[in-house]
PDB file of N, CA and C in Angstrom:
ATOM      1  N   VAL A   1      -4.688   4.707   4.525  1.00  0.00           N
ATOM      2  CA  VAL A   1      -6.114   4.340   4.688  1.00  0.00           C
ATOM      3  C   VAL A   1      -7.231   5.211   4.721  1.00  0.00           C
ATOM      4  N   ASN A   2      -7.946   4.827   3.577  1.00  0.00           N
ATOM      5  CA  ASN A   2      -9.213   5.445   3.677  1.00  0.00           C
ATOM      6  C   ASN A   2     -10.552   4.746   3.972  1.00  0.00           C
ATOM      7  N   GLN A   3     -11.188   5.575   4.726  1.00  0.00           N
ATOM      8  CA  GLN A   3     -12.613   5.058   5.516  1.00  0.00           C
ATOM      9  C   GLN A   3     -13.855   4.421   4.583  1.00  0.00           C
ATOM     10  N   LEU A   4     -14.461   3.961   4.366  1.00  0.00           N
ATOM     11  CA  LEU A   4     -15.285   3.927   3.196  1.00  0.00           C
ATOM     12  C   LEU A   4     -16.707   3.663   3.874  1.00  0.00           C
ATOM     13  N   THR A   5     -17.987   4.090   3.420  1.00  0.00           N
ATOM     14  CA  THR A   5     -19.018   3.340   4.127  1.00  0.00           C
ATOM     15  C   THR A   5     -18.891   1.808   4.220  1.00  0.00           C
ATOM     16  N   ALA A   6     -18.428   0.920   3.243  1.00  0.00           N
ATOM     17  CA  ALA A   6     -18.313  -0.504   3.754  1.00  0.00           C
ATOM     18  C   ALA A   6     -17.179  -0.852   4.234  1.00  0.00           C
ATOM     19  N   GLY A   7     -16.458  -0.046   4.739  1.00  0.00           N
ATOM     20  CA  GLY A   7     -14.858  -0.794   5.511  1.00  0.00           C
ATOM     21  C   GLY A   7     -13.715   0.115   5.156  1.00  0.00           C
ATOM     22  N   PHE A   8     -12.459  -0.072   4.723  1.00  0.00           N
ATOM     23  CA  PHE A   8     -11.167   0.810   4.707  1.00  0.00           C
ATOM     24  C   PHE A   8     -10.919   0.242   3.311  1.00  0.00           C
ATOM     25  N   SER A   9     -10.312   1.297   2.582  1.00  0.00           N
ATOM     26  CA  SER A   9      -9.403   1.254   1.748  1.00  0.00           C
ATOM     27  C   SER A   9      -8.011   1.355   1.957  1.00  0.00           C
ATOM     28  N   VAL A  10      -6.953   0.451   1.818  1.00  0.00           N
ATOM     29  CA  VAL A  10      -5.580   0.745   1.690  1.00  0.00           C
ATOM     30  C   VAL A  10      -4.895   0.866   0.600  1.00  0.00           C
ATOM     31  N   THR A  11      -4.293   2.012   0.842  1.00  0.00           N
ATOM     32  CA  THR A  11      -3.388   2.490  -0.518  1.00  0.00           C
ATOM     33  C   THR A  11      -1.699   2.373  -0.001  1.00  0.00           C
ATOM     34  N   CYS A  12      -0.666   2.247  -0.706  1.00  0.00           N
ATOM     35  CA  CYS A  12       0.326   2.458  -0.868  1.00  0.00           C
ATOM     36  C   CYS A  12       1.077   3.297  -1.871  1.00  0.00           C
ATOM     37  N   ASP A  13       1.851   4.064  -1.653  1.00  0.00           N
ATOM     38  CA  ASP A  13       2.687   4.961  -2.762  1.00  0.00           C
ATOM     39  C   ASP A  13       4.246   5.180  -2.211  1.00  0.00           C
ATOM     40  N   TYR A  14       5.081   4.764  -2.924  1.00  0.00           N
ATOM     41  CA  TYR A  14       6.539   4.398  -2.649  1.00  0.00           C
ATOM     42  C   TYR A  14       6.837   5.867  -4.133  1.00  0.00           C
ATOM     43  N   ILE A  15       7.730   6.726  -3.248  1.00  0.00           N
ATOM     44  CA  ILE A  15       8.403   7.983  -4.092  1.00  0.00           C
ATOM     45  C   ILE A  15       9.954   7.657  -3.796  1.00  0.00           C
ATOM     46  N   ASP A  16      10.361   7.345  -5.141  1.00  0.00           N
ATOM     47  CA  ASP A  16      11.610   7.039  -5.575  1.00  0.00           C
ATOM     48  C   ASP A  16      12.583   8.291  -5.433  1.00  0.00           C
ATOM     49  N   GLY A  17      14.013   8.249  -5.638  1.00  0.00           N
ATOM     50  CA  GLY A  17      14.709   9.203  -5.464  1.00  0.00           C
ATOM     51  C   GLY A  17      14.587  10.380  -6.574  1.00  0.00           C
ATOM     52  N   THR A  18      13.808  10.079  -7.765  1.00  0.00           N
ATOM     53  CA  THR A  18      13.953  10.995  -8.749  1.00  0.00           C
ATOM     54  C   THR A  18      12.346  11.651  -8.920  1.00  0.00           C
ATOM     55  N   GLY A  19      11.758  11.119  -7.832  1.00  0.00           N
ATOM     56  CA  GLY A  19       9.999  11.826  -7.474  1.00  0.00           C
ATOM     57  C   GLY A  19       9.068  11.292  -8.120  1.00  0.00           C
ATOM     58  N   ALA A  20       9.554   9.980  -8.760  1.00  0.00           N
ATOM     59  CA  ALA A  20       8.340   9.314  -9.502  1.00  0.00           C
ATOM     60  C   ALA A  20       7.808   8.406  -8.581  1.00  0.00           C
ATOM     61  N   THR A  21       6.589   8.528  -8.716  1.00  0.00           N
ATOM     62  CA  THR A  21       5.613   7.586  -7.190  1.00  0.00           C
ATOM     63  C   THR A  21       5.046   6.122  -7.858  1.00  0.00           C
ATOM     64  N   PHE A  22       5.154   5.046  -7.396  1.00  0.00           N
ATOM     65  CA  PHE A  22       4.937   4.330  -7.525  1.00  0.00           C
ATOM     66  C   PHE A  22       3.707   3.998  -6.740  1.00  0.00           C
ATOM     67  N   PHE A  23       2.938   2.642  -7.073  1.00  0.00           N
ATOM     68  CA  PHE A  23       1.344   2.584  -5.990  1.00  0.00           C
ATOM     69  C   PHE A  23       0.703   1.141  -6.176  1.00  0.00           C
ATOM     70  N   ALA A  24       0.201   0.889  -5.089  1.00  0.00           N
ATOM     71  CA  ALA A  24      -0.766  -0.396  -4.807  1.00  0.00           C
ATOM     72  C   ALA A  24      -1.987   0.069  -4.452  1.00  0.00           C
ATOM     73  N   GLN A  25      -2.877  -0.494  -5.278  1.00  0.00           N
ATOM     74  CA  GLN A  25      -4.197  -0.136  -4.610  1.00  0.00           C
ATOM     75  C   GLN A  25      -5.311  -0.521  -5.485  1.00  0.00           C
ATOM     76  N   PRO A  26      -6.650  -1.254  -4.690  1.00  0.00           N
ATOM     77  CA  PRO A  26      -7.503  -1.482  -5.103  1.00  0.00           C
ATOM     78  C   PRO A  26      -8.098  -0.675  -7.006  1.00  0.00           C
ATOM     79  N   ASP A  27      -8.705  -1.845  -7.997  1.00  0.00           N
ATOM     80  CA  ASP A  27      -8.721  -0.731  -9.021  1.00  0.00           C
ATOM     81  C   ASP A  27     -10.056   0.030  -8.699  1.00  0.00           C
ATOM     82  N   ILE A  28     -10.431   0.864  -9.367  1.00  0.00           N
ATOM     83  CA  ILE A  28     -11.365   1.911  -8.973  1.00  0.00           C
ATOM     84  C   ILE A  28     -12.750   1.299  -9.071  1.00  0.00           C
ATOM     85  N   THR A  29     -13.037   0.218  -9.785  1.00  0.00           N
ATOM     86  CA  THR A  29     -14.352  -0.505  -9.657  1.00  0.00           C
ATOM     87  C   THR A  29     -14.445  -1.692  -8.321  1.00  0.00           C
ATOM     88  N   GLY A  30     -13.321  -1.224  -7.464  1.00  0.00           N
ATOM     89  CA  GLY A  30     -13.481  -2.098  -6.361  1.00  0.00           C
ATOM     90  C   GLY A  30     -13.093  -3.821  -6.391  1.00  0.00           C
ATOM     91  N   GLY A  31     -12.253  -3.691  -7.506  1.00  0.00           N
ATOM     92  CA  GLY A  31     -11.469  -5.208  -7.980  1.00  0.00           C
ATOM     93  C   GLY A  31     -10.428  -5.238  -6.997  1.00  0.00           C
ATOM     94  N   PHE A  32      -9.810  -6.428  -6.620  1.00  0.00           N
ATOM     95  CA  PHE A  32      -8.562  -6.098  -5.809  1.00  0.00           C
ATOM     96  C   PHE A  32      -7.374  -6.297  -7.095  1.00  0.00           C
ATOM     97  N   GLN A  33      -6.224  -5.814  -6.319  1.00  0.00           N
ATOM     98  CA  GLN A  33      -4.881  -5.587  -7.542  1.00  0.00           C
ATOM     99  C   GLN A  33      -4.503  -7.348  -7.857  1.00  0.00           C
ATOM    100  N   ASN A  34      -4.097  -7.409  -9.063  1.00  0.00           N
ATOM    101  CA  ASN A  34      -3.557  -8.836  -9.456  1.00  0.00           C
ATOM    102  C   ASN A  34      -2.345  -8.133  -9.898  1.00  0.00           C
ATOM    103  N   PRO A  35      -0.832  -8.905  -9.492  1.00  0.00           N
ATOM    104  CA  PRO A  35      -0.929 -10.010  -8.262  1.00  0.00           C
ATOM    105  C   PRO A  35      -1.029  -8.761  -7.250  1.00  0.00           C
ATOM    106  N   ALA A  36      -1.505  -9.777  -6.401  1.00  0.00           N
ATOM    107  CA  ALA A  36      -1.704  -9.234  -5.067  1.00  0.00           C
ATOM    108  C   ALA A  36      -0.541  -8.206  -4.206  1.00  0.00           C
ATOM    109  N   PHE A  37      -0.903  -7.309  -3.534  1.00  0.00           N
ATOM    110  CA  PHE A  37      -0.219  -6.342  -2.739  1.00  0.00           C
ATOM    111  C   PHE A  37      -0.851  -6.999  -1.021  1.00  0.00           C
ATOM    112  N   THR A  38       0.213  -7.399  -0.398  1.00  0.00           N
ATOM    113  CA  THR A  38      -0.064  -7.746   0.886  1.00  0.00           C
ATOM    114  C   THR A  38       0.354  -6.986   1.856  1.00  0.00           C
ATOM    115  N   ILE A  39      -0.509  -6.525   2.898  1.00  0.00           N
ATOM    116  CA  ILE A  39      -0.358  -5.996   4.098  1.00  0.00           C
ATOM    117  C   ILE A  39      -0.955  -6.791   5.068  1.00  0.00           C
ATOM    118  N   THR A  40       0.061  -7.227   6.329  1.00  0.00           N
ATOM    119  CA  THR A  40      -0.073  -7.654   7.409  1.00  0.00           C
ATOM    120  C   THR A  40      -0.054  -6.831   8.662  1.00  0.00           C
ATOM    121  N   ILE A  41      -0.769  -7.056   9.461  1.00  0.00           N
ATOM    122  CA  ILE A  41      -0.809  -6.213  10.877  1.00  0.00           C
ATOM    123  C   ILE A  41      -0.524  -7.263  11.580  1.00  0.00           C
ATOM    124  N   THR A  42       1.075  -7.129  12.410  1.00  0.00           N
ATOM    125  CA  THR A  42       1.401  -7.702  13.274  1.00  0.00           C
ATOM    126  C   THR A  42       1.317  -7.051  15.029  1.00  0.00           C
ATOM    127  N   SER A  43       1.011  -6.116  14.617  1.00  0.00           N
ATOM    128  CA  SER A  43       0.409  -5.178  16.266  1.00  0.00           C
ATOM    129  C   SER A  43      -0.421  -3.983  16.109  1.00  0.00           C
ATOM    130  N   LEU A  44      -1.596  -3.727  17.151  1.00  0.00           N
ATOM    131  CA  LEU A  44      -2.207  -2.851  17.093  1.00  0.00           C
ATOM    132  C   LEU A  44      -2.667  -2.644  18.487  1.00  0.00           C
ATOM    133  N   THR A  45      -2.698  -1.346  18.796  1.00  0.00           N
ATOM    134  CA  THR A  45      -3.102  -0.766  20.082  1.00  0.00           C
ATOM    135  C   THR A  45      -3.693   0.469  19.853  1.00  0.00           C
ATOM    136  N   SER A  46      -4.374   1.241  20.719  1.00  0.00           N
ATOM    137  CA  SER A  46      -5.228   2.259  20.586  1.00  0.00           C
ATOM    138  C   SER A  46      -4.370   3.692  19.818  1.00  0.00           C
ATOM    139  N   THR A  47      -2.900   3.519  20.196  1.00  0.00           N
ATOM    140  CA  THR A  47      -2.226   4.383  19.444  1.00  0.00           C
ATOM    141  C   THR A  47      -1.340   4.040  18.005  1.00  0.00           C
ATOM    142  N   ARG A  48      -1.428   3.087  18.109  1.00  0.00           N
ATOM    143  CA  ARG A  48      -0.122   2.918  16.638  1.00  0.00           C
ATOM    144  C   ARG A  48      -0.505   1.326  16.119  1.00  0.00           C
ATOM    145  N   VAL A  49      -0.425   1.338  14.941  1.00  0.00           N
ATOM    146  CA  VAL A  49      -0.490   0.405  14.370  1.00  0.00           C
ATOM    147  C   VAL A  49       0.673  -0.206  13.360  1.00  0.00           C
ATOM    148  N   SER A  50       1.071  -1.415  13.640  1.00  0.00           N
ATOM    149  CA  SER A  50       2.684  -1.886  13.032  1.00  0.00           C
ATOM    150  C   SER A  50       2.311  -3.216  12.370  1.00  0.00           C
ATOM    151  N   GLY A  51       3.630  -3.189  11.313  1.00  0.00           N
ATOM    152  CA  GLY A  51       3.318  -4.894  10.096  1.00  0.00           C
ATOM    153  C   GLY A  51       4.137  -4.419   9.456  1.00  0.00           C
ATOM    154  N   THR A  52       3.780  -5.851   8.475  1.00  0.00           N
ATOM    155  CA  THR A  52       5.017  -5.951   7.031  1.00  0.00           C
ATOM    156  C   THR A  52       3.599  -6.019   5.799  1.00  0.00           C
ATOM    157  N   PHE A  53       4.611  -5.486   4.739  1.00  0.00           N
ATOM    158  CA  PHE A  53       3.956  -5.621   3.695  1.00  0.00           C
ATOM    159  C   PHE A  53       5.079  -6.170   2.453  1.00  0.00           C
ATOM    160  N   THR A  54       4.146  -6.657   1.299  1.00  0.00           N
ATOM    161  CA  THR A  54       5.085  -6.922   0.286  1.00  0.00           C
ATOM    162  C   THR A  54       4.436  -7.246  -1.049  1.00  0.00           C
ATOM    163  N   GLY A  55       5.052  -6.799  -2.162  1.00  0.00           N
ATOM    164  CA  GLY A  55       4.351  -7.231  -3.352  1.00  0.00           C
ATOM    165  C   GLY A  55       4.635  -5.939  -4.171  1.00  0.00           C
ATOM    166  N   PRO A  56       3.708  -6.285  -5.598  1.00  0.00           N
ATOM    167  CA  PRO A  56       4.538  -5.449  -6.880  1.00  0.00           C
ATOM    168  C   PRO A  56       3.755  -4.089  -6.550  1.00  0.00           C
ATOM    169  N   LEU A  57       4.302  -2.656  -7.051  1.00  0.00           N
ATOM    170  CA  LEU A  57       3.813  -1.328  -7.191  1.00  0.00           C
ATOM    171  C   LEU A  57       3.869  -1.272  -8.402  1.00  0.00           C
ATOM    172  N   LYS A  58       2.585  -0.501  -8.969  1.00  0.00           N
ATOM    173  CA  LYS A  58       2.415  -0.357 -10.187  1.00  0.00           C
ATOM    174  C   LYS A  58       3.322   0.986 -10.493  1.00  0.00           C
ATOM    175  N   PRO A  59       3.772   1.026 -12.073  1.00  0.00           N
ATOM    176  CA  PRO A  59       4.647   2.025 -12.331  1.00  0.00           C
ATOM    177  C   PRO A  59       3.809   3.575 -12.359  1.00  0.00           C
ATOM    178  N   PRO A  60       5.022   4.609 -12.115  1.00  0.00           N
ATOM    179  CA  PRO A  60       3.774   6.232 -12.017  1.00  0.00           C
ATOM    180  C   PRO A  60       2.941   6.391 -13.701  1.00  0.00           C
ATOM    181  N   SER A  61       2.071   7.241 -13.823  1.00  0.00           N
ATOM    182  CA  SER A  61       1.277   7.429 -14.598  1.00  0.00           C
ATOM    183  C   SER A  61       2.104   7.557 -16.153  1.00  0.00           C
ATOM    184  N   GLY A  62       1.981   6.952 -16.791  1.00  0.00           N
ATOM    185  CA  GLY A  62       2.990   6.954 -18.196  1.00  0.00           C
ATOM    186  C   GLY A  62       4.083   5.870 -18.276  1.00  0.00           C
ATOM    187  N   GLY A  63       4.330   5.222 -17.326  1.00  0.00           N
ATOM    188  CA  GLY A  63       5.485   4.447 -16.944  1.00  0.00           C
ATOM    189  C   GLY A  63       5.048   2.968 -17.424  1.00  0.00           C
ATOM    190  N   THR A  64       5.809   2.381 -17.371  1.00  0.00           N
ATOM    191  CA  THR A  64       5.900   1.139 -17.996  1.00  0.00           C
ATOM    192  C   THR A  64       6.557  -0.269 -17.012  1.00  0.00           C
ATOM    193  N   THR A  65       7.201   0.110 -16.146  1.00  0.00           N
ATOM    194  CA  THR A  65       7.798  -0.887 -15.127  1.00  0.00           C
ATOM    195  C   THR A  65       7.537  -0.434 -13.877  1.00  0.00           C
ATOM    196  N   GLY A  66       7.215  -1.568 -12.977  1.00  0.00           N
ATOM    197  CA  GLY A  66       7.048  -1.551 -11.581  1.00  0.00           C
ATOM    198  C   GLY A  66       7.714  -1.495 -11.244  1.00  0.00           C
ATOM    199  N   ILE A  67       8.037  -1.755  -9.663  1.00  0.00           N
ATOM    200  CA  ILE A  67       8.982  -2.528  -8.655  1.00  0.00           C
ATOM    201  C   ILE A  67       8.204  -3.583  -7.604  1.00  0.00           C
ATOM    202  N   ASN A  68       9.070  -4.267  -7.158  1.00  0.00           N
ATOM    203  CA  ASN A  68       8.341  -5.408  -6.332  1.00  0.00           C
ATOM    204  C   ASN A  68       8.816  -4.852  -4.967  1.00  0.00           C
ATOM    205  N   ILE A  69       8.411  -5.074  -4.020  1.00  0.00           N
ATOM    206  CA  ILE A  69       8.748  -4.603  -2.275  1.00  0.00           C
ATOM    207  C   ILE A  69       8.675  -5.722  -1.984  1.00  0.00           C
ATOM    208  N   THR A  70       9.989  -6.329  -0.974  1.00  0.00           N
ATOM    209  CA  THR A  70       9.815  -7.358  -0.317  1.00  0.00           C
ATOM    210  C   THR A  70      10.337  -7.011   1.257  1.00  0.00           C
ATOM    211  N   ASN A  71       9.910  -7.339   2.325  1.00  0.00           N
ATOM    212  CA  ASN A  71      10.228  -7.176   3.595  1.00  0.00           C
ATOM    213  C   ASN A  71      10.181  -5.954   3.806  1.00  0.00           C
ATOM    214  N   GLY A  72       8.830  -5.309   3.374  1.00  0.00           N
ATOM    215  CA  GLY A  72       8.513  -3.685   4.092  1.00  0.00           C
ATOM    216  C   GLY A  72       8.567  -3.875   5.545  1.00  0.00           C
ATOM    217  N   LEU A  73       8.447  -3.029   6.053  1.00  0.00           N
ATOM    218  CA  LEU A  73       7.981  -2.771   7.608  1.00  0.00           C
ATOM    219  C   LEU A  73       7.371  -1.368   7.874  1.00  0.00           C
ATOM    220  N   PHE A  74       6.168  -1.265   8.551  1.00  0.00           N
ATOM    221  CA  PHE A  74       5.599  -0.009   8.646  1.00  0.00           C
ATOM    222  C   PHE A  74       5.173   0.042  10.359  1.00  0.00           C
ATOM    223  N   SER A  75       5.499   1.197  11.066  1.00  0.00           N
ATOM    224  CA  SER A  75       4.760   1.530  12.164  1.00  0.00           C
ATOM    225  C   SER A  75       4.191   3.185  12.300  1.00  0.00           C
ATOM    226  N   VAL A  76       2.948   2.954  12.507  1.00  0.00           N
ATOM    227  CA  VAL A  76       2.362   4.430  12.426  1.00  0.00           C
ATOM    228  C   VAL A  76       1.502   4.647  13.528  1.00  0.00           C
ATOM    229  N   PRO A  77       1.201   5.973  13.868  1.00  0.00           N
ATOM    230  CA  PRO A  77       0.398   6.479  15.010  1.00  0.00           C
ATOM    231  C   PRO A  77      -1.096   6.101  14.451  1.00  0.00           C
ATOM    232  N   LEU A  78      -2.079   5.924  15.102  1.00  0.00           N
ATOM    233  CA  LEU A  78      -3.459   5.838  15.058  1.00  0.00           C
ATOM    234  C   LEU A  78      -4.183   7.646  15.558  1.00  0.00           C
ATOM    235  N   GLN A  79      -5.159   8.310  14.653  1.00  0.00           N
ATOM    236  CA  GLN A  79      -5.295   9.215  15.352  1.00  0.00           C
ATOM    237  C   GLN A  79      -6.959   9.419  15.363  1.00  0.00           C
TER     238      GLN A  79
END
């Protein structure tokens, strides 16, 4: 998550067993990824954020095939 002047930018990277990095993020012009990668916050405290995520991840640079995430979970500390 990157804080911008107008809000936050959320990105997701997945590194597979071969070291290839798949990613989900808005395009450079501020548009939305299509189809959408969805992140839902289910719990937010002063020290931790938790939730779920689902959707397509784009292929690594030079790749042609992405992957689809279903039932993803996260729980990360806030700094």
